[in-house]
C-alpha atoms as a PDB file:
ATOM      1  CA  UNK A   1      -6.972 -25.301  19.200  1.00  0.00           C
ATOM      2  CA  UNK A   2      -6.837 -29.108  19.399  1.00  0.00           C
ATOM      3  CA  UNK A   3     -10.162 -29.999  17.809  1.00  0.00           C
ATOM      4  CA  UNK A   4      -8.780 -31.062  14.466  1.00  0.00           C
ATOM      5  CA  UNK A   5      -5.902 -33.134  15.858  1.00  0.00           C
ATOM      6  CA  UNK A   6      -8.157 -35.113  18.171  1.00  0.00           C
ATOM      7  CA  UNK A   7     -10.899 -35.777  15.655  1.00  0.00           C
ATOM      8  CA  UNK A   8      -9.307 -35.873  12.220  1.00  0.00           C
ATOM      9  CA  UNK A   9      -5.614 -36.760  12.533  1.00  0.00           C
ATOM     10  CA  UNK A  10      -2.835 -34.845  10.804  1.00  0.00           C
ATOM     11  CA  UNK A  11      -3.952 -31.547   9.294  1.00  0.00           C
ATOM     12  CA  UNK A  12      -4.001 -30.778   5.581  1.00  0.00           C
ATOM     13  CA  UNK A  13      -3.094 -27.375   4.135  1.00  0.00           C
ATOM     14  CA  UNK A  14      -4.700 -25.209   1.464  1.00  0.00           C
ATOM     15  CA  UNK A  15      -3.125 -22.052   0.065  1.00  0.00           C
ATOM     16  CA  UNK A  16      -5.304 -18.942  -0.269  1.00  0.00           C
ATOM     17  CA  UNK A  17      -4.236 -15.856  -2.212  1.00  0.00           C
ATOM     18  CA  UNK A  18      -6.251 -12.667  -1.684  1.00  0.00           C
ATOM     19  CA  UNK A  19      -6.826  -9.739  -4.043  1.00  0.00           C
ATOM     20  CA  UNK A  20      -8.220  -6.762  -2.150  1.00  0.00           C
ATOM     21  CA  UNK A  21      -9.922  -4.382  -4.584  1.00  0.00           C
ATOM     22  CA  UNK A  22     -11.355  -2.376  -1.704  1.00  0.00           C
ATOM     23  CA  UNK A  23      -8.506  -1.689   0.679  1.00  0.00           C
ATOM     24  CA  UNK A  24      -9.945  -3.259   3.833  1.00  0.00           C
ATOM     25  CA  UNK A  25      -8.447  -1.726   7.016  1.00  0.00           C
ATOM     26  CA  UNK A  26      -5.590  -3.869   8.305  1.00  0.00           C
ATOM     27  CA  UNK A  27      -7.229  -4.531  11.667  1.00  0.00           C
ATOM     28  CA  UNK A  28     -10.452  -5.772  10.058  1.00  0.00           C
ATOM     29  CA  UNK A  29      -8.539  -7.794   7.481  1.00  0.00           C
ATOM     30  CA  UNK A  30      -6.188  -9.510   9.922  1.00  0.00           C
ATOM     31  CA  UNK A  31      -8.917 -10.351  12.439  1.00  0.00           C
ATOM     32  CA  UNK A  32     -11.128 -11.646   9.633  1.00  0.00           C
ATOM     33  CA  UNK A  33      -8.325 -13.899   8.437  1.00  0.00           C
ATOM     34  CA  UNK A  34      -7.830 -15.203  11.983  1.00  0.00           C
ATOM     35  CA  UNK A  35     -11.525 -16.056  12.282  1.00  0.00           C
ATOM     36  CA  UNK A  36     -11.577 -17.804   8.894  1.00  0.00           C
ATOM     37  CA  UNK A  37      -8.448 -19.762   9.838  1.00  0.00           C
ATOM     38  CA  UNK A  38     -10.073 -20.861  13.099  1.00  0.00           C
ATOM     39  CA  UNK A  39     -13.204 -22.120  11.313  1.00  0.00           C
ATOM     40  CA  UNK A  40     -11.180 -24.168   8.845  1.00  0.00           C
ATOM     41  CA  UNK A  41      -8.755 -25.460  11.481  1.00  0.00           C
ATOM     42  CA  UNK A  42     -11.707 -26.863  13.415  1.00  0.00           C
ATOM     43  CA  UNK A  43     -12.397 -28.954  10.316  1.00  0.00           C
ATOM     44  CA  UNK A  44      -8.775 -30.108  10.137  1.00  0.00           C
ATOM     45  CA  UNK A  45      -7.679 -27.744   7.361  1.00  0.00           C
ATOM     46  CA  UNK A  46      -4.799 -25.293   7.807  1.00  0.00           C
ATOM     47  CA  UNK A  47      -4.781 -22.126   5.681  1.00  0.00           C
ATOM     48  CA  UNK A  48      -1.570 -20.738   4.217  1.00  0.00           C
ATOM     49  CA  UNK A  49      -2.113 -17.175   2.988  1.00  0.00           C
ATOM     50  CA  UNK A  50       0.143 -17.326  -0.063  1.00  0.00           C
ATOM     51  CA  UNK A  51       2.558 -14.664  -1.283  1.00  0.00           C
ATOM     52  CA  UNK A  52       1.384 -14.789  -4.886  1.00  0.00           C
ATOM     53  CA  UNK A  53      -1.100 -16.384  -7.243  1.00  0.00           C
ATOM     54  CA  UNK A  54       0.064 -19.730  -8.630  1.00  0.00           C
ATOM     55  CA  UNK A  55      -2.076 -20.229 -11.798  1.00  0.00           C
ATOM     56  CA  UNK A  56      -3.249 -23.766 -12.350  1.00  0.00           C
ATOM     57  CA  UNK A  57      -2.267 -24.993  -8.893  1.00  0.00           C
ATOM     58  CA  UNK A  58      -5.202 -27.084  -7.567  1.00  0.00           C
ATOM     59  CA  UNK A  59      -3.874 -26.666  -4.012  1.00  0.00           C
ATOM     60  CA  UNK A  60      -4.439 -22.894  -4.131  1.00  0.00           C
ATOM     61  CA  UNK A  61      -7.615 -20.824  -4.293  1.00  0.00           C
ATOM     62  CA  UNK A  62      -8.059 -17.113  -4.962  1.00  0.00           C
ATOM     63  CA  UNK A  63     -10.375 -14.884  -2.942  1.00  0.00           C
ATOM     64  CA  UNK A  64     -11.318 -11.397  -4.175  1.00  0.00           C
ATOM     65  CA  UNK A  65     -12.575  -8.634  -1.864  1.00  0.00           C
ATOM     66  CA  UNK A  66     -14.862  -6.363  -3.893  1.00  0.00           C
ATOM     67  CA  UNK A  67     -16.510  -2.963  -3.359  1.00  0.00           C
ATOM     68  CA  UNK A  68     -20.212  -2.637  -4.238  1.00  0.00           C
ATOM     69  CA  UNK A  69     -19.705  -1.326  -7.778  1.00  0.00           C
ATOM     70  CA  UNK A  70     -17.767  -4.480  -8.667  1.00  0.00           C
ATOM     71  CA  UNK A  71     -20.016  -6.782  -6.615  1.00  0.00           C
ATOM     72  CA  UNK A  72     -23.043  -5.633  -8.614  1.00  0.00           C
ATOM     73  CA  UNK A  73     -21.522  -7.155 -11.752  1.00  0.00           C
ATOM     74  CA  UNK A  74     -21.336 -10.565 -10.083  1.00  0.00           C
ATOM     75  CA  UNK A  75     -24.322 -10.654  -7.727  1.00  0.00           C
ATOM     76  CA  UNK A  76     -27.199  -8.204  -8.069  1.00  0.00           C
ATOM     77  CA  UNK A  77     -28.965  -9.479  -4.946  1.00  0.00           C
ATOM     78  CA  UNK A  78     -27.885  -7.082  -2.197  1.00  0.00           C
ATOM     79  CA  UNK A  79     -28.461  -9.754   0.464  1.00  0.00           C
ATOM     80  CA  UNK A  80     -25.705 -11.892  -1.048  1.00  0.00           C
ATOM     81  CA  UNK A  81     -22.473 -11.346   0.876  1.00  0.00           C
ATOM     82  CA  UNK A  82     -20.190 -13.457  -1.298  1.00  0.00           C
ATOM     83  CA  UNK A  83     -19.996 -15.833  -4.205  1.00  0.00           C
ATOM     84  CA  UNK A  84     -17.788 -18.734  -5.259  1.00  0.00           C
ATOM     85  CA  UNK A  85     -17.329 -20.246  -8.699  1.00  0.00           C
ATOM     86  CA  UNK A  86     -17.438 -24.003  -8.269  1.00  0.00           C
ATOM     87  CA  UNK A  87     -16.198 -26.231 -11.065  1.00  0.00           C
ATOM     88  CA  UNK A  88     -18.538 -29.235 -11.111  1.00  0.00           C
ATOM     89  CA  UNK A  89     -17.941 -32.921 -10.287  1.00  0.00           C
ATOM     90  CA  UNK A  90     -14.330 -34.065 -10.389  1.00  0.00           C
ATOM     91  CA  UNK A  91     -12.922 -30.554 -10.878  1.00  0.00           C
ATOM     92  CA  UNK A  92     -11.523 -27.913  -8.566  1.00  0.00           C
ATOM     93  CA  UNK A  93     -13.135 -24.511  -8.055  1.00  0.00           C
ATOM     94  CA  UNK A  94     -10.519 -21.850  -7.543  1.00  0.00           C
ATOM     95  CA  UNK A  95     -12.120 -18.378  -7.377  1.00  0.00           C
ATOM     96  CA  UNK A  96     -14.334 -16.774  -4.765  1.00  0.00           C
ATOM     97  CA  UNK A  97     -15.574 -13.280  -3.925  1.00  0.00           C
ATOM     98  CA  UNK A  98     -16.608 -11.439  -0.769  1.00  0.00           C
ATOM     99  CA  UNK A  99     -18.504  -8.157  -0.922  1.00  0.00           C
ATOM    100  CA  UNK A 100     -17.084  -5.732   1.617  1.00  0.00           C
ATOM    101  CA  UNK A 101     -19.692  -2.945   1.468  1.00  0.00           C
ATOM    102  CA  UNK A 102     -22.541  -5.402   2.022  1.00  0.00           C
ATOM    103  CA  UNK A 103     -20.691  -7.086   4.867  1.00  0.00           C
ATOM    104  CA  UNK A 104     -20.171  -3.725   6.571  1.00  0.00           C
ATOM    105  CA  UNK A 105     -23.870  -2.851   6.303  1.00  0.00           C
ATOM    106  CA  UNK A 106     -25.078  -6.203   7.650  1.00  0.00           C
ATOM    107  CA  UNK A 107     -22.551  -6.078  10.493  1.00  0.00           C
ATOM    108  CA  UNK A 108     -23.820  -2.627  11.466  1.00  0.00           C
ATOM    109  CA  UNK A 109     -27.453  -3.744  11.273  1.00  0.00           C
ATOM    110  CA  UNK A 110     -26.817  -6.716  13.590  1.00  0.00           C
ATOM    111  CA  UNK A 111     -24.421  -4.810  15.860  1.00  0.00           C
ATOM    112  CA  UNK A 112     -21.495  -7.188  15.372  1.00  0.00           C
ATOM    113  CA  UNK A 113     -17.897  -6.272  14.517  1.00  0.00           C
ATOM    114  CA  UNK A 114     -17.274  -6.110  10.802  1.00  0.00           C
ATOM    115  CA  UNK A 115     -14.212  -8.347  11.143  1.00  0.00           C
ATOM    116  CA  UNK A 116     -16.349 -11.106  12.672  1.00  0.00           C
ATOM    117  CA  UNK A 117     -18.769 -11.167   9.756  1.00  0.00           C
ATOM    118  CA  UNK A 118     -15.958 -10.738   7.220  1.00  0.00           C
ATOM    119  CA  UNK A 119     -14.135 -13.776   8.606  1.00  0.00           C
ATOM    120  CA  UNK A 120     -17.240 -15.954   8.578  1.00  0.00           C
ATOM    121  CA  UNK A 121     -18.142 -14.941   5.011  1.00  0.00           C
ATOM    122  CA  UNK A 122     -14.574 -15.638   3.919  1.00  0.00           C
ATOM    123  CA  UNK A 123     -14.655 -19.104   5.527  1.00  0.00           C
ATOM    124  CA  UNK A 124     -18.104 -19.781   4.001  1.00  0.00           C
ATOM    125  CA  UNK A 125     -16.910 -19.011   0.471  1.00  0.00           C
ATOM    126  CA  UNK A 126     -13.679 -20.975   0.911  1.00  0.00           C
ATOM    127  CA  UNK A 127     -15.923 -23.801   2.104  1.00  0.00           C
ATOM    128  CA  UNK A 128     -17.905 -23.681  -1.136  1.00  0.00           C
ATOM    129  CA  UNK A 129     -14.737 -23.927  -3.204  1.00  0.00           C
ATOM    130  CA  UNK A 130     -13.446 -26.881  -1.208  1.00  0.00           C
ATOM    131  CA  UNK A 131     -16.771 -28.718  -0.867  1.00  0.00           C
ATOM    132  CA  UNK A 132     -18.079 -28.163  -4.405  1.00  0.00           C
ATOM    133  CA  UNK A 133     -21.619 -27.814  -5.700  1.00  0.00           C
ATOM    134  CA  UNK A 134     -24.683 -28.011  -3.420  1.00  0.00           C
ATOM    135  CA  UNK A 135     -22.629 -27.470  -0.284  1.00  0.00           C
ATOM    136  CA  UNK A 136     -25.085 -25.464   1.816  1.00  0.00           C
ATOM    137  CA  UNK A 137     -26.151 -27.043   5.101  1.00  0.00           C
ATOM    138  CA  UNK A 138     -29.279 -26.682   7.281  1.00  0.00           C
ATOM    139  CA  UNK A 139     -27.256 -25.036  10.056  1.00  0.00           C
ATOM    140  CA  UNK A 140     -23.813 -23.768  10.898  1.00  0.00           C
ATOM    141  CA  UNK A 141     -21.202 -21.988   8.809  1.00  0.00           C
ATOM    142  CA  UNK A 142     -22.506 -23.305   5.479  1.00  0.00           C
ATOM    143  CA  UNK A 143     -26.122 -22.301   6.059  1.00  0.00           C
ATOM    144  CA  UNK A 144     -27.454 -20.496   2.990  1.00  0.00           C
ATOM    145  CA  UNK A 145     -29.063 -17.596   4.886  1.00  0.00           C
ATOM    146  CA  UNK A 146     -27.828 -16.681   8.361  1.00  0.00           C
ATOM    147  CA  UNK A 147     -30.378 -15.629  10.987  1.00  0.00           C
ATOM    148  CA  UNK A 148     -30.242 -14.024  14.441  1.00  0.00           C
ATOM    149  CA  UNK A 149     -28.998 -17.191  16.165  1.00  0.00           C
ATOM    150  CA  UNK A 150     -26.137 -17.484  13.689  1.00  0.00           C
ATOM    151  CA  UNK A 151     -24.963 -13.919  14.318  1.00  0.00           C
ATOM    152  CA  UNK A 152     -25.070 -14.588  18.054  1.00  0.00           C
ATOM    153  CA  UNK A 153     -23.028 -17.769  17.547  1.00  0.00           C
ATOM    154  CA  UNK A 154     -20.427 -15.799  15.594  1.00  0.00           C
ATOM    155  CA  UNK A 155     -19.911 -13.607  18.646  1.00  0.00           C
ATOM    156  CA  UNK A 156     -19.685 -16.542  21.073  1.00  0.00           C
ATOM    157  CA  UNK A 157     -17.337 -19.100  19.570  1.00  0.00           C
ATOM    158  CA  UNK A 158     -17.919 -18.836  15.832  1.00  0.00           C
ATOM    159  CA  UNK A 159     -19.850 -20.918  13.331  1.00  0.00           C
ATOM    160  CA  UNK A 160     -18.589 -24.370  12.421  1.00  0.00           C
ATOM    161  CA  UNK A 161     -18.719 -26.792   9.521  1.00  0.00           C
ATOM    162  CA  UNK A 162     -20.936 -29.810  10.160  1.00  0.00           C
ATOM    163  CA  UNK A 163     -19.046 -33.028  10.949  1.00  0.00           C
ATOM    164  CA  UNK A 164     -19.705 -34.625   7.575  1.00  0.00           C
ATOM    165  CA  UNK A 165     -18.610 -31.469   5.794  1.00  0.00           C
ATOM    166  CA  UNK A 166     -15.408 -31.340   7.837  1.00  0.00           C
ATOM    167  CA  UNK A 167     -14.466 -34.826   6.699  1.00  0.00           C
ATOM    168  CA  UNK A 168     -15.367 -33.973   3.111  1.00  0.00           C
ATOM    169  CA  UNK A 169     -13.260 -30.799   3.310  1.00  0.00           C
ATOM    170  CA  UNK A 170     -10.204 -32.791   4.354  1.00  0.00           C
ATOM    171  CA  UNK A 171     -10.735 -35.411   1.676  1.00  0.00           C
ATOM    172  CA  UNK A 172     -11.151 -32.782  -1.027  1.00  0.00           C
ATOM    173  CA  UNK A 173      -8.060 -30.848   0.077  1.00  0.00           C
ATOM    174  CA  UNK A 174      -6.079 -34.084   0.009  1.00  0.00           C
ATOM    175  CA  UNK A 175      -7.303 -34.664  -3.571  1.00  0.00           C
ATOM    176  CA  UNK A 176      -6.130 -31.177  -4.500  1.00  0.00           C
ATOM    177  CA  UNK A 177      -2.719 -31.789  -2.956  1.00  0.00           C
ATOM    178  CA  UNK A 178      -2.353 -35.080  -4.792  1.00  0.00           C
ATOM    179  CA  UNK A 179      -3.357 -33.444  -8.073  1.00  0.00           C
ATOM    180  CA  UNK A 180      -0.836 -30.661  -7.453  1.00  0.00           C
ATOM    181  CA  UNK A 181       1.936 -33.187  -6.766  1.00  0.00           C
ATOM    182  CA  UNK A 182       1.066 -35.036  -9.972  1.00  0.00           C
ATOM    183  CA  UNK A 183       1.630 -31.944 -12.114  1.00  0.00           C
ATOM    184  CA  UNK A 184       4.598 -30.595 -10.184  1.00  0.00           C
ATOM    185  CA  UNK A 185       3.104 -27.910  -7.916  1.00  0.00           C
ATOM    186  CA  UNK A 186       4.392 -27.395  -4.386  1.00  0.00           C
ATOM    187  CA  UNK A 187       1.771 -27.403  -1.633  1.00  0.00           C
ATOM    188  CA  UNK A 188       1.524 -24.247   0.451  1.00  0.00           C
ATOM    189  CA  UNK A 189       1.695 -21.692  -2.335  1.00  0.00           C
ATOM    190  CA  UNK A 190       4.560 -19.542  -1.153  1.00  0.00           C
ATOM    191  CA  UNK A 191       4.920 -19.652   2.602  1.00  0.00           C
ATOM    192  CA  UNK A 192       3.214 -18.633   5.775  1.00  0.00           C
ATOM    193  CA  UNK A 193       3.540 -14.852   5.599  1.00  0.00           C
ATOM    194  CA  UNK A 194       0.287 -13.124   4.756  1.00  0.00           C
ATOM    195  CA  UNK A 195       0.605 -11.005   1.613  1.00  0.00           C
ATOM    196  CA  UNK A 196      -2.373  -9.030   0.343  1.00  0.00           C
ATOM    197  CA  UNK A 197      -2.453  -8.035  -3.295  1.00  0.00           C
ATOM    198  CA  UNK A 198      -4.137  -4.628  -3.481  1.00  0.00           C
ATOM    199  CA  UNK A 199      -5.395  -3.882  -6.975  1.00  0.00           C
ATOM    200  CA  UNK A 200      -6.257  -0.216  -7.414  1.00  0.00           C
ATOM    201  CA  UNK A 201      -6.891   0.109 -11.142  1.00  0.00           C
ATOM    202  CA  UNK A 202     -10.475  -1.216 -10.909  1.00  0.00           C
ATOM    203  CA  UNK A 203     -11.381   0.313  -7.579  1.00  0.00           C
ATOM    204  CA  UNK A 204     -14.532   1.940  -8.984  1.00  0.00           C
ATOM    205  CA  UNK A 205     -16.555   2.483  -5.855  1.00  0.00           C
END
């Protein structure tokens, strides 16, 4: 994929740690990660799936995969497939959630592979954390409510960030990296090897 190098210059990297409270099947999980990586790479952002959580590191974000019983505590609207906690102007949001049971149901209803929808939801919520407040767009990956055309696009070549959002993503990641350097954090968050933290104590499905 050469889109980012041609349009945006050298890539920037964000570290993403994942807590899986559901136990998503490995095939679904890995393909979903690949799809999310592709969406962000098109915007010039490389994802490093970190080995561990690095508290306070602005160059790392944490994504949580939740079953329905836990999702209900965060988002009662069953049409909501994920949620991210943004931090307001000048600050860095670090925590997002994707709701696996809801994703599976919507994927079945629209006859698309669960991994495809999972990856797009994951990229959407990472996008919110990197873009900040009011980051929905009229079309594309950051559209607030996906419709039939969006699901079809996911199956063709995937949804994309709008051009202005892609540039903003890169600028905001660069700000995070600079902030991390200033307080002594190392960019990348622990290497390139995907490590999933499976938490079973709260798996109250």
